[in-house]
């Protein structure tokens, strides 16, 4: 498992605002949602981790970078849910990828 970096991509003539999630293992881009910046970063990181099969392996922690990107790292343990916006578990109790805050 690797760290995930998310960043905001401003709108262009062809595309609206987006968020990119990337690691050495892959990358993806999602369209901006109305949930606020940190939730958009979180959603992008969750989507990439889920695509790479990293869901359910522990709690992910976020840290902001000076350029506005966010770095996500996993503790590698299965643990319970959290209410903190800067950490999350990849799967809910039903085994589905959540899109809402825990």
Protein backbone atom coordinates (compact mmCIF):
# COMPACT_ATOMS: atom_id res chain seq x y z
CA UNK A 1 0.00 0.00 0.00
CA UNK A 2 1.18 3.53 -0.79
CA UNK A 3 0.30 7.08 0.17
CA UNK A 4 -2.34 8.84 -1.91
CA UNK A 5 -2.04 12.51 -2.88
CA UNK A 6 -5.18 14.48 -3.79
CA UNK A 7 -5.30 17.89 -5.40
CA UNK A 8 -7.85 20.37 -6.71
CA UNK A 9 -7.92 20.95 -10.48
CA UNK A 10 -9.62 24.23 -11.49
CA UNK A 11 -12.19 24.42 -14.26
CA UNK A 12 -11.19 24.73 -17.90
CA UNK A 13 -13.27 25.50 -20.98
CA UNK A 14 -13.98 21.77 -21.38
CA UNK A 15 -14.26 20.57 -17.77
CA UNK A 16 -15.60 21.85 -14.47
CA UNK A 17 -13.72 21.81 -11.18
CA UNK A 18 -12.24 18.39 -10.42
CA UNK A 19 -10.15 16.55 -7.84
CA UNK A 20 -7.30 14.19 -8.73
CA UNK A 21 -6.11 11.32 -6.56
CA UNK A 22 -2.83 9.63 -7.41
CA UNK A 23 -0.26 7.20 -6.08
CA UNK A 24 2.49 5.21 -7.77
CA UNK A 25 -0.08 2.45 -8.38
CA UNK A 26 -2.61 4.61 -10.26
CA UNK A 27 -4.63 7.79 -10.53
CA UNK A 28 -8.17 8.99 -11.11
CA UNK A 29 -10.10 12.25 -11.41
CA UNK A 30 -13.54 12.98 -9.99
CA UNK A 31 -15.87 15.91 -10.60
CA UNK A 32 -16.27 18.39 -7.75
CA UNK A 33 -19.28 17.82 -5.51
CA UNK A 34 -20.99 20.40 -3.31
CA UNK A 35 -19.70 18.83 -0.08
CA UNK A 36 -16.77 21.19 0.57
CA UNK A 37 -13.10 20.93 -0.31
CA UNK A 38 -12.00 18.37 2.31
CA UNK A 39 -14.90 16.05 1.51
CA UNK A 40 -13.97 16.23 -2.19
CA UNK A 41 -10.36 15.34 -1.37
CA UNK A 42 -11.64 12.49 0.84
CA UNK A 43 -14.01 11.18 -1.84
CA UNK A 44 -11.22 11.16 -4.44
CA UNK A 45 -8.83 9.33 -2.06
CA UNK A 46 -11.52 6.77 -1.13
CA UNK A 47 -12.36 6.14 -4.78
CA UNK A 48 -8.73 5.49 -5.72
CA UNK A 49 -8.09 3.28 -2.68
CA UNK A 50 -11.24 1.30 -3.47
CA UNK A 51 -10.22 0.92 -7.13
CA UNK A 52 -6.77 -0.33 -6.08
CA UNK A 53 -8.23 -2.83 -3.59
CA UNK A 54 -6.95 -0.99 -0.53
CA UNK A 55 -10.35 -0.58 1.15
CA UNK A 56 -10.81 -2.17 4.56
CA UNK A 57 -7.11 -2.21 5.48
CA UNK A 58 -7.22 0.40 8.21
CA UNK A 59 -7.78 4.04 9.00
CA UNK A 60 -6.54 6.67 6.57
CA UNK A 61 -5.09 9.92 7.90
CA UNK A 62 -4.82 13.18 5.96
CA UNK A 63 -2.31 15.99 6.08
CA UNK A 64 -2.35 19.23 4.11
CA UNK A 65 0.61 20.38 2.03
CA UNK A 66 1.70 23.98 1.34
CA UNK A 67 0.50 23.77 -2.28
CA UNK A 68 -3.06 22.87 -1.18
CA UNK A 69 -2.78 19.15 -1.94
CA UNK A 70 -3.62 16.56 0.71
CA UNK A 71 -1.55 13.45 1.49
CA UNK A 72 -3.39 10.35 2.75
CA UNK A 73 -1.62 7.51 4.58
CA UNK A 74 -3.04 4.29 6.04
CA UNK A 75 -2.18 2.76 9.41
CA UNK A 76 -2.64 -0.73 7.91
CA UNK A 77 -4.93 -2.02 10.68
CA UNK A 78 -8.61 -2.81 10.65
CA UNK A 79 -10.17 -0.43 13.16
CA UNK A 80 -13.51 1.11 14.05
CA UNK A 81 -15.18 4.12 12.48
CA UNK A 82 -14.36 7.72 13.28
CA UNK A 83 -16.06 11.11 13.30
CA UNK A 84 -12.90 13.04 12.40
CA UNK A 85 -12.99 14.65 8.94
CA UNK A 86 -9.26 14.02 8.52
CA UNK A 87 -9.34 10.26 8.95
CA UNK A 88 -11.70 7.59 7.70
CA UNK A 89 -12.18 3.87 7.23
CA UNK A 90 -12.60 2.68 3.68
CA UNK A 91 -15.62 0.44 4.21
CA UNK A 92 -18.75 0.70 6.26
CA UNK A 93 -20.12 -2.22 8.36
CA UNK A 94 -22.02 -3.57 5.33
CA UNK A 95 -18.77 -3.77 3.31
CA UNK A 96 -19.74 -0.93 0.99
CA UNK A 97 -17.62 2.11 0.19
CA UNK A 98 -19.21 5.04 2.08
CA UNK A 99 -19.59 8.49 0.58
CA UNK A 100 -20.87 10.12 3.76
CA UNK A 101 -18.90 11.09 6.84
CA UNK A 102 -18.75 8.52 9.63
